[in-house]
Amino acid sequence: IHDWNRKHLPAYFEVFVKAEMDTLVARDTKGL
């Protein structure tokens, strides 16, 4: 998907939001 986006989306700018697993679990609003 990232490769397709770079080739096909105009002025594509990709932001990766990282968080540690402990943080993700603490925020787990969906209970996933």
PDB file of all heavy atoms in Angstrom:
ATOM      1  N   ILE A   1       0.842  -1.209   0.000  1.00  0.00           N
ATOM      2  CA  ILE A   1       0.000   0.000   0.000  1.00  0.00           C
ATOM      3  C   ILE A   1       0.865   1.243   0.000  1.00  0.00           C
ATOM      4  O   ILE A   1       0.632   2.188  -0.774  1.00  0.00           O
ATOM      5  CB  ILE A   1      -0.961   0.008   1.213  1.00  0.00           C
ATOM      6  CG1 ILE A   1      -1.994  -1.100   1.081  1.00  0.00           C
ATOM      7  CG2 ILE A   1      -1.625   1.368   1.390  1.00  0.00           C
ATOM      8  CD1 ILE A   1      -2.922  -0.955  -0.121  1.00  0.00           C
ATOM      9  N   HIS A   2       1.893   1.266   0.853  1.00  0.00           N
ATOM     10  CA  HIS A   2       2.764   2.448   0.905  1.00  0.00           C
ATOM     11  C   HIS A   2       3.420   2.674  -0.456  1.00  0.00           C
ATOM     12  O   HIS A   2       3.519   3.824  -0.920  1.00  0.00           O
ATOM     13  CB  HIS A   2       3.820   2.286   1.999  1.00  0.00           C
ATOM     14  CG  HIS A   2       3.232   2.004   3.339  1.00  0.00           C
ATOM     15  ND1 HIS A   2       3.865   1.228   4.278  1.00  0.00           N
ATOM     16  CD2 HIS A   2       2.062   2.380   3.910  1.00  0.00           C
ATOM     17  CE1 HIS A   2       3.119   1.133   5.358  1.00  0.00           C
ATOM     18  NE2 HIS A   2       2.013   1.837   5.157  1.00  0.00           N
ATOM     19  N   ASP A   3       3.856   1.604  -1.116  1.00  0.00           N
ATOM     20  CA  ASP A   3       4.468   1.722  -2.444  1.00  0.00           C
ATOM     21  C   ASP A   3       3.462   2.230  -3.462  1.00  0.00           C
ATOM     22  O   ASP A   3       3.773   3.113  -4.272  1.00  0.00           O
ATOM     23  CB  ASP A   3       5.053   0.377  -2.897  1.00  0.00           C
ATOM     24  CG  ASP A   3       6.238  -0.067  -2.067  1.00  0.00           C
ATOM     25  OD1 ASP A   3       6.835   0.774  -1.344  1.00  0.00           O
ATOM     26  OD2 ASP A   3       6.563  -1.281  -2.111  1.00  0.00           O
ATOM     27  N   TRP A   4       2.243   1.671  -3.440  1.00  0.00           N
ATOM     28  CA  TRP A   4       1.203   2.104  -4.381  1.00  0.00           C
ATOM     29  C   TRP A   4       0.905   3.587  -4.169  1.00  0.00           C
ATOM     30  O   TRP A   4       0.803   4.348  -5.129  1.00  0.00           O
ATOM     31  CB  TRP A   4      -0.070   1.275  -4.199  1.00  0.00           C
ATOM     32  CG  TRP A   4      -1.084   1.505  -5.270  1.00  0.00           C
ATOM     33  CD1 TRP A   4      -1.232   0.795  -6.429  1.00  0.00           C
ATOM     34  CD2 TRP A   4      -2.097   2.533  -5.313  1.00  0.00           C
ATOM     35  NE1 TRP A   4      -2.268   1.318  -7.175  1.00  0.00           N
ATOM     36  CE2 TRP A   4      -2.813   2.384  -6.512  1.00  0.00           C
ATOM     37  CE3 TRP A   4      -2.457   3.570  -4.447  1.00  0.00           C
ATOM     38  CZ2 TRP A   4      -3.871   3.218  -6.875  1.00  0.00           C
ATOM     39  CZ3 TRP A   4      -3.508   4.407  -4.816  1.00  0.00           C
ATOM     40  CH2 TRP A   4      -4.205   4.234  -6.010  1.00  0.00           C
ATOM     41  N   ASN A   5       0.781   3.980  -2.915  1.00  0.00           N
ATOM     42  CA  ASN A   5       0.486   5.379  -2.599  1.00  0.00           C
ATOM     43  C   ASN A   5       1.564   6.310  -3.157  1.00  0.00           C
ATOM     44  O   ASN A   5       1.253   7.347  -3.745  1.00  0.00           O
ATOM     45  CB  ASN A   5       0.372   5.577  -1.084  1.00  0.00           C
ATOM     46  CG  ASN A   5      -0.882   4.961  -0.508  1.00  0.00           C
ATOM     47  OD1 ASN A   5      -1.779   4.518  -1.230  1.00  0.00           O
ATOM     48  ND2 ASN A   5      -0.951   4.906   0.808  1.00  0.00           N
ATOM     49  N   ARG A   6       2.820   5.957  -2.960  1.00  0.00           N
ATOM     50  CA  ARG A   6       3.920   6.812  -3.451  1.00  0.00           C
ATOM     51  C   ARG A   6       3.891   6.952  -4.969  1.00  0.00           C
ATOM     52  O   ARG A   6       4.254   8.000  -5.494  1.00  0.00           O
ATOM     53  CB  ARG A   6       5.264   6.268  -3.002  1.00  0.00           C
ATOM     54  CG  ARG A   6       5.498   6.493  -1.526  1.00  0.00           C
ATOM     55  CD  ARG A   6       6.959   6.497  -1.136  1.00  0.00           C
ATOM     56  NE  ARG A   6       7.072   6.592   0.312  1.00  0.00           N
ATOM     57  CZ  ARG A   6       6.969   7.717   0.992  1.00  0.00           C
ATOM     58  NH1 ARG A   6       6.776   8.846   0.374  1.00  0.00           N
ATOM     59  NH2 ARG A   6       7.078   7.722   2.311  1.00  0.00           N
ATOM     60  N   LYS A   7       3.452   5.921  -5.644  1.00  0.00           N
ATOM     61  CA  LYS A   7       3.415   5.952  -7.113  1.00  0.00           C
ATOM     62  C   LYS A   7       2.181   6.660  -7.661  1.00  0.00           C
ATOM     63  O   LYS A   7       2.220   7.199  -8.759  1.00  0.00           O
ATOM     64  CB  LYS A   7       3.460   4.528  -7.675  1.00  0.00           C
ATOM     65  CG  LYS A   7       4.782   3.843  -7.481  1.00  0.00           C
ATOM     66  CD  LYS A   7       4.727   2.408  -7.968  1.00  0.00           C
ATOM     67  CE  LYS A   7       6.017   1.684  -7.607  1.00  0.00           C
ATOM     68  NZ  LYS A   7       5.879   0.231  -7.714  1.00  0.00           N
ATOM     69  N   HIS A   8       1.075   6.634  -6.919  1.00  0.00           N
ATOM     70  CA  HIS A   8      -0.196   7.082  -7.490  1.00  0.00           C
ATOM     71  C   HIS A   8      -0.862   8.278  -6.822  1.00  0.00           C
ATOM     72  O   HIS A   8      -1.751   8.881  -7.410  1.00  0.00           O
ATOM     73  CB  HIS A   8      -1.190   5.910  -7.482  1.00  0.00           C
ATOM     74  CG  HIS A   8      -0.773   4.773  -8.338  1.00  0.00           C
ATOM     75  ND1 HIS A   8      -0.104   3.677  -7.836  1.00  0.00           N
ATOM     76  CD2 HIS A   8      -0.890   4.578  -9.661  1.00  0.00           C
ATOM     77  CE1 HIS A   8       0.154   2.840  -8.816  1.00  0.00           C
ATOM     78  NE2 HIS A   8      -0.300   3.362  -9.935  1.00  0.00           N
ATOM     79  N   LEU A   9      -0.476   8.609  -5.602  1.00  0.00           N
ATOM     80  CA  LEU A   9      -1.152   9.709  -4.919  1.00  0.00           C
ATOM     81  C   LEU A   9      -0.362  11.003  -5.070  1.00  0.00           C
ATOM     82  O   LEU A   9       0.845  11.023  -4.846  1.00  0.00           O
ATOM     83  CB  LEU A   9      -1.343   9.378  -3.431  1.00  0.00           C
ATOM     84  CG  LEU A   9      -2.213   8.157  -3.135  1.00  0.00           C
ATOM     85  CD1 LEU A   9      -2.327   7.932  -1.633  1.00  0.00           C
ATOM     86  CD2 LEU A   9      -3.583   8.277  -3.763  1.00  0.00           C
ATOM     87  N   PRO A  10      -1.052  12.078  -5.442  1.00  0.00           N
ATOM     88  CA  PRO A  10      -0.354  13.350  -5.656  1.00  0.00           C
ATOM     89  C   PRO A  10       0.216  13.911  -4.355  1.00  0.00           C
ATOM     90  O   PRO A  10      -0.446  13.892  -3.323  1.00  0.00           O
ATOM     91  CB  PRO A  10      -1.442  14.264  -6.229  1.00  0.00           C
ATOM     92  CG  PRO A  10      -2.738  13.651  -5.830  1.00  0.00           C
ATOM     93  CD  PRO A  10      -2.490  12.172  -5.669  1.00  0.00           C
ATOM     94  N   ALA A  11       1.453  14.377  -4.439  1.00  0.00           N
ATOM     95  CA  ALA A  11       2.137  15.007  -3.296  1.00  0.00           C
ATOM     96  C   ALA A  11       1.945  14.184  -2.025  1.00  0.00           C
ATOM     97  O   ALA A  11       1.630  14.705  -0.963  1.00  0.00           O
ATOM     98  CB  ALA A  11       1.655  16.442  -3.114  1.00  0.00           C
ATOM     99  N   TYR A  12       2.150  12.888  -2.135  1.00  0.00           N
ATOM    100  CA  TYR A  12       1.959  11.956  -1.024  1.00  0.00           C
ATOM    101  C   TYR A  12       2.952  12.228   0.097  1.00  0.00           C
ATOM    102  O   TYR A  12       4.146  12.359  -0.129  1.00  0.00           O
ATOM    103  CB  TYR A  12       2.132  10.527  -1.539  1.00  0.00           C
ATOM    104  CG  TYR A  12       2.003   9.450  -0.496  1.00  0.00           C
ATOM    105  CD1 TYR A  12       0.775   9.176   0.087  1.00  0.00           C
ATOM    106  CD2 TYR A  12       3.096   8.692  -0.112  1.00  0.00           C
ATOM    107  CE1 TYR A  12       0.638   8.168   1.037  1.00  0.00           C
ATOM    108  CE2 TYR A  12       2.977   7.678   0.831  1.00  0.00           C
ATOM    109  CZ  TYR A  12       1.746   7.425   1.394  1.00  0.00           C
ATOM    110  OH  TYR A  12       1.618   6.425   2.321  1.00  0.00           O
ATOM    111  N   PHE A  13       2.426  12.301   1.317  1.00  0.00           N
ATOM    112  CA  PHE A  13       3.242  12.543   2.505  1.00  0.00           C
ATOM    113  C   PHE A  13       2.815  11.544   3.568  1.00  0.00           C
ATOM    114  O   PHE A  13       1.666  11.549   4.012  1.00  0.00           O
ATOM    115  CB  PHE A  13       3.047  13.981   2.996  1.00  0.00           C
ATOM    116  CG  PHE A  13       3.955  14.356   4.130  1.00  0.00           C
ATOM    117  CD1 PHE A  13       5.274  14.701   3.886  1.00  0.00           C
ATOM    118  CD2 PHE A  13       3.487  14.360   5.431  1.00  0.00           C
ATOM    119  CE1 PHE A  13       6.121  15.044   4.940  1.00  0.00           C
ATOM    120  CE2 PHE A  13       4.324  14.702   6.489  1.00  0.00           C
ATOM    121  CZ  PHE A  13       5.643  15.043   6.237  1.00  0.00           C
ATOM    122  N   GLU A  14       3.741  10.686   3.974  1.00  0.00           N
ATOM    123  CA  GLU A  14       3.425   9.589   4.878  1.00  0.00           C
ATOM    124  C   GLU A  14       3.936   9.879   6.287  1.00  0.00           C
ATOM    125  O   GLU A  14       5.120  10.156   6.480  1.00  0.00           O
ATOM    126  CB  GLU A  14       4.076   8.319   4.336  1.00  0.00           C
ATOM    127  CG  GLU A  14       3.717   7.052   5.044  1.00  0.00           C
ATOM    128  CD  GLU A  14       4.347   5.880   4.324  1.00  0.00           C
ATOM    129  OE1 GLU A  14       3.716   5.363   3.371  1.00  0.00           O
ATOM    130  OE2 GLU A  14       5.485   5.496   4.683  1.00  0.00           O
ATOM    131  N   VAL A  15       3.020   9.779   7.257  1.00  0.00           N
ATOM    132  CA  VAL A  15       3.348   9.991   8.662  1.00  0.00           C
ATOM    133  C   VAL A  15       3.114   8.675   9.400  1.00  0.00           C
ATOM    134  O   VAL A  15       2.013   8.121   9.354  1.00  0.00           O
ATOM    135  CB  VAL A  15       2.464  11.094   9.290  1.00  0.00           C
ATOM    136  CG1 VAL A  15       2.798  11.274  10.770  1.00  0.00           C
ATOM    137  CG2 VAL A  15       2.593  12.399   8.520  1.00  0.00           C
ATOM    138  N   PHE A  16       4.139   8.201  10.077  1.00  0.00           N
ATOM    139  CA  PHE A  16       4.019   6.986  10.878  1.00  0.00           C
ATOM    140  C   PHE A  16       3.961   7.393  12.339  1.00  0.00           C
ATOM    141  O   PHE A  16       4.892   8.005  12.867  1.00  0.00           O
ATOM    142  CB  PHE A  16       5.207   6.059  10.622  1.00  0.00           C
ATOM    143  CG  PHE A  16       5.216   4.810  11.451  1.00  0.00           C
ATOM    144  CD1 PHE A  16       4.052   4.083  11.679  1.00  0.00           C
ATOM    145  CD2 PHE A  16       6.391   4.344  12.001  1.00  0.00           C
ATOM    146  CE1 PHE A  16       4.055   2.918  12.440  1.00  0.00           C
ATOM    147  CE2 PHE A  16       6.418   3.185  12.760  1.00  0.00           C
ATOM    148  CZ  PHE A  16       5.249   2.470  12.982  1.00  0.00           C
ATOM    149  N   VAL A  17       2.848   7.081  12.986  1.00  0.00           N
ATOM    150  CA  VAL A  17       2.666   7.394  14.402  1.00  0.00           C
ATOM    151  C   VAL A  17       3.008   6.135  15.196  1.00  0.00           C
ATOM    152  O   VAL A  17       2.319   5.120  15.096  1.00  0.00           O
ATOM    153  CB  VAL A  17       1.221   7.854  14.706  1.00  0.00           C
ATOM    154  CG1 VAL A  17       1.082   8.214  16.182  1.00  0.00           C
ATOM    155  CG2 VAL A  17       0.832   9.035  13.828  1.00  0.00           C
ATOM    156  N   LYS A  18       4.098   6.225  15.953  1.00  0.00           N
ATOM    157  CA  LYS A  18       4.576   5.096  16.743  1.00  0.00           C
ATOM    158  C   LYS A  18       4.174   5.261  18.200  1.00  0.00           C
ATOM    159  O   LYS A  18       4.178   6.365  18.724  1.00  0.00           O
ATOM    160  CB  LYS A  18       6.114   5.023  16.694  1.00  0.00           C
ATOM    161  CG  LYS A  18       6.681   4.543  15.407  1.00  0.00           C
ATOM    162  CD  LYS A  18       8.187   4.567  15.418  1.00  0.00           C
ATOM    163  CE  LYS A  18       8.760   3.581  16.394  1.00  0.00           C
ATOM    164  NZ  LYS A  18      10.231   3.465  16.305  1.00  0.00           N
ATOM    165  N   ALA A  19       3.862   4.127  18.810  1.00  0.00           N
ATOM    166  CA  ALA A  19       3.608   4.099  20.244  1.00  0.00           C
ATOM    167  C   ALA A  19       3.990   2.712  20.752  1.00  0.00           C
ATOM    168  O   ALA A  19       3.817   1.716  20.047  1.00  0.00           O
ATOM    169  CB  ALA A  19       2.141   4.401  20.549  1.00  0.00           C
ATOM    170  N   GLU A  20       4.506   2.676  21.952  1.00  0.00           N
ATOM    171  CA  GLU A  20       4.889   1.403  22.565  1.00  0.00           C
ATOM    172  C   GLU A  20       3.633   0.580  22.857  1.00  0.00           C
ATOM    173  O   GLU A  20       2.550   1.131  23.100  1.00  0.00           O
ATOM    174  CB  GLU A  20       5.658   1.654  23.867  1.00  0.00           C
ATOM    175  CG  GLU A  20       6.948   2.439  23.686  1.00  0.00           C
ATOM    176  CD  GLU A  20       7.968   1.702  22.830  1.00  0.00           C
ATOM    177  OE1 GLU A  20       8.037   0.460  22.917  1.00  0.00           O
ATOM    178  OE2 GLU A  20       8.691   2.377  22.072  1.00  0.00           O
ATOM    179  N   MET A  21       3.777  -0.733  22.873  1.00  0.00           N
ATOM    180  CA  MET A  21       2.638  -1.624  23.119  1.00  0.00           C
ATOM    181  C   MET A  21       1.968  -1.322  24.464  1.00  0.00           C
ATOM    182  O   MET A  21       0.739  -1.342  24.561  1.00  0.00           O
ATOM    183  CB  MET A  21       3.057  -3.088  23.030  1.00  0.00           C
ATOM    184  CG  MET A  21       1.889  -4.055  23.114  1.00  0.00           C
ATOM    185  SD  MET A  21       0.545  -3.766  21.922  1.00  0.00           S
ATOM    186  CE  MET A  21       1.257  -4.401  20.424  1.00  0.00           C
ATOM    187  N   ASP A  22       2.742  -1.009  25.486  1.00  0.00           N
ATOM    188  CA  ASP A  22       2.142  -0.665  26.785  1.00  0.00           C
ATOM    189  C   ASP A  22       1.220   0.545  26.662  1.00  0.00           C
ATOM    190  O   ASP A  22       0.144   0.584  27.269  1.00  0.00           O
ATOM    191  CB  ASP A  22       3.225  -0.376  27.827  1.00  0.00           C
ATOM    192  CG  ASP A  22       4.007  -1.625  28.229  1.00  0.00           C
ATOM    193  OD1 ASP A  22       3.541  -2.736  27.932  1.00  0.00           O
ATOM    194  OD2 ASP A  22       5.082  -1.476  28.832  1.00  0.00           O
ATOM    195  N   THR A  23       1.629   1.515  25.868  1.00  0.00           N
ATOM    196  CA  THR A  23       0.811   2.709  25.642  1.00  0.00           C
ATOM    197  C   THR A  23      -0.453   2.348  24.877  1.00  0.00           C
ATOM    198  O   THR A  23      -1.553   2.797  25.213  1.00  0.00           O
ATOM    199  CB  THR A  23       1.613   3.772  24.863  1.00  0.00           C
ATOM    200  OG1 THR A  23       2.782   4.115  25.605  1.00  0.00           O
ATOM    201  CG2 THR A  23       0.785   5.022  24.618  1.00  0.00           C
ATOM    202  N   LEU A  24      -0.305   1.535  23.845  1.00  0.00           N
ATOM    203  CA  LEU A  24      -1.457   1.121  23.032  1.00  0.00           C
ATOM    204  C   LEU A  24      -2.482   0.376  23.884  1.00  0.00           C
ATOM    205  O   LEU A  24      -3.685   0.627  23.776  1.00  0.00           O
ATOM    206  CB  LEU A  24      -1.000   0.241  21.869  1.00  0.00           C
ATOM    207  CG  LEU A  24      -0.034   0.883  20.871  1.00  0.00           C
ATOM    208  CD1 LEU A  24       0.436  -0.143  19.854  1.00  0.00           C
ATOM    209  CD2 LEU A  24      -0.667   2.084  20.193  1.00  0.00           C
ATOM    210  N   VAL A  25      -2.001  -0.525  24.708  1.00  0.00           N
ATOM    211  CA  VAL A  25      -2.898  -1.302  25.570  1.00  0.00           C
ATOM    212  C   VAL A  25      -3.585  -0.374  26.576  1.00  0.00           C
ATOM    213  O   VAL A  25      -4.786  -0.505  26.830  1.00  0.00           O
ATOM    214  CB  VAL A  25      -2.136  -2.440  26.278  1.00  0.00           C
ATOM    215  CG1 VAL A  25      -2.992  -3.092  27.347  1.00  0.00           C
ATOM    216  CG2 VAL A  25      -1.675  -3.483  25.252  1.00  0.00           C
ATOM    217  N   ALA A  26      -2.861   0.585  27.118  1.00  0.00           N
ATOM    218  CA  ALA A  26      -3.451   1.524  28.074  1.00  0.00           C
ATOM    219  C   ALA A  26      -4.527   2.391  27.426  1.00  0.00           C
ATOM    220  O   ALA A  26      -5.517   2.741  28.067  1.00  0.00           O
ATOM    221  CB  ALA A  26      -2.361   2.409  28.681  1.00  0.00           C
ATOM    222  N   ARG A  27      -4.357   2.708  26.143  1.00  0.00           N
ATOM    223  CA  ARG A  27      -5.331   3.546  25.422  1.00  0.00           C
ATOM    224  C   ARG A  27      -6.454   2.726  24.806  1.00  0.00           C
ATOM    225  O   ARG A  27      -7.358   3.295  24.214  1.00  0.00           O
ATOM    226  CB  ARG A  27      -4.634   4.279  24.274  1.00  0.00           C
ATOM    227  CG  ARG A  27      -3.676   5.331  24.672  1.00  0.00           C
ATOM    228  CD  ARG A  27      -3.104   5.963  23.425  1.00  0.00           C
ATOM    229  NE  ARG A  27      -2.093   6.931  23.759  1.00  0.00           N
ATOM    230  CZ  ARG A  27      -1.116   7.288  22.954  1.00  0.00           C
ATOM    231  NH1 ARG A  27      -1.027   6.761  21.750  1.00  0.00           N
ATOM    232  NH2 ARG A  27      -0.229   8.171  23.338  1.00  0.00           N
ATOM    233  N   ASP A  28      -6.432   1.470  24.876  1.00  0.00           N
ATOM    234  CA  ASP A  28      -7.272   0.512  24.155  1.00  0.00           C
ATOM    235  C   ASP A  28      -8.771   0.816  24.252  1.00  0.00           C
ATOM    236  O   ASP A  28      -9.524   0.055  24.852  1.00  0.00           O
ATOM    237  CB  ASP A  28      -6.956  -0.885  24.692  1.00  0.00           C
ATOM    238  CG  ASP A  28      -7.460  -2.005  23.828  1.00  0.00           C
ATOM    239  OD1 ASP A  28      -7.878  -1.756  22.682  1.00  0.00           O
ATOM    240  OD2 ASP A  28      -7.442  -3.148  24.310  1.00  0.00           O
ATOM    241  N   THR A  29      -9.212   1.904  23.656  1.00  0.00           N
ATOM    242  CA  THR A  29     -10.616   2.331  23.745  1.00  0.00           C
ATOM    243  C   THR A  29     -11.576   1.338  23.093  1.00  0.00           C
ATOM    244  O   THR A  29     -12.733   1.257  23.487  1.00  0.00           O
ATOM    245  CB  THR A  29     -10.814   3.713  23.097  1.00  0.00           C
ATOM    246  OG1 THR A  29     -10.408   3.644  21.735  1.00  0.00           O
ATOM    247  CG2 THR A  29     -10.024   4.781  23.828  1.00  0.00           C
ATOM    248  N   LYS A  30     -11.101   0.595  22.112  1.00  0.00           N
ATOM    249  CA  LYS A  30     -11.957  -0.383  21.424  1.00  0.00           C
ATOM    250  C   LYS A  30     -11.905  -1.755  22.091  1.00  0.00           C
ATOM    251  O   LYS A  30     -12.664  -2.646  21.718  1.00  0.00           O
ATOM    252  CB  LYS A  30     -11.517  -0.526  19.961  1.00  0.00           C
ATOM    253  CG  LYS A  30     -11.640   0.751  19.160  1.00  0.00           C
ATOM    254  CD  LYS A  30     -11.101   0.541  17.762  1.00  0.00           C
ATOM    255  CE  LYS A  30     -11.028   1.845  17.001  1.00  0.00           C
ATOM    256  NZ  LYS A  30     -10.393   1.663  15.701  1.00  0.00           N
ATOM    257  N   GLY A  31     -10.983  -1.940  23.019  1.00  0.00           N
ATOM    258  CA  GLY A  31     -10.852  -3.226  23.686  1.00  0.00           C
ATOM    259  C   GLY A  31     -10.192  -4.302  22.834  1.00  0.00           C
ATOM    260  O   GLY A  31     -10.245  -5.481  23.164  1.00  0.00           O
ATOM    261  N   LEU A  32      -9.570  -3.900  21.742  1.00  0.00           N
ATOM    262  CA  LEU A  32      -8.983  -4.869  20.806  1.00  0.00           C
ATOM    263  C   LEU A  32      -7.835  -5.666  21.395  1.00  0.00           C
ATOM    264  O   LEU A  32      -7.778  -6.892  21.241  1.00  0.00           O
ATOM    265  CB  LEU A  32      -8.495  -4.150  19.548  1.00  0.00           C
ATOM    266  CG  LEU A  32      -9.550  -3.520  18.668  1.00  0.00           C
ATOM    267  CD1 LEU A  32      -8.902  -2.723  17.539  1.00  0.00           C
ATOM    268  CD2 LEU A  32     -10.452  -4.596  18.108  1.00  0.00           C
TER     269      LEU A  32
END
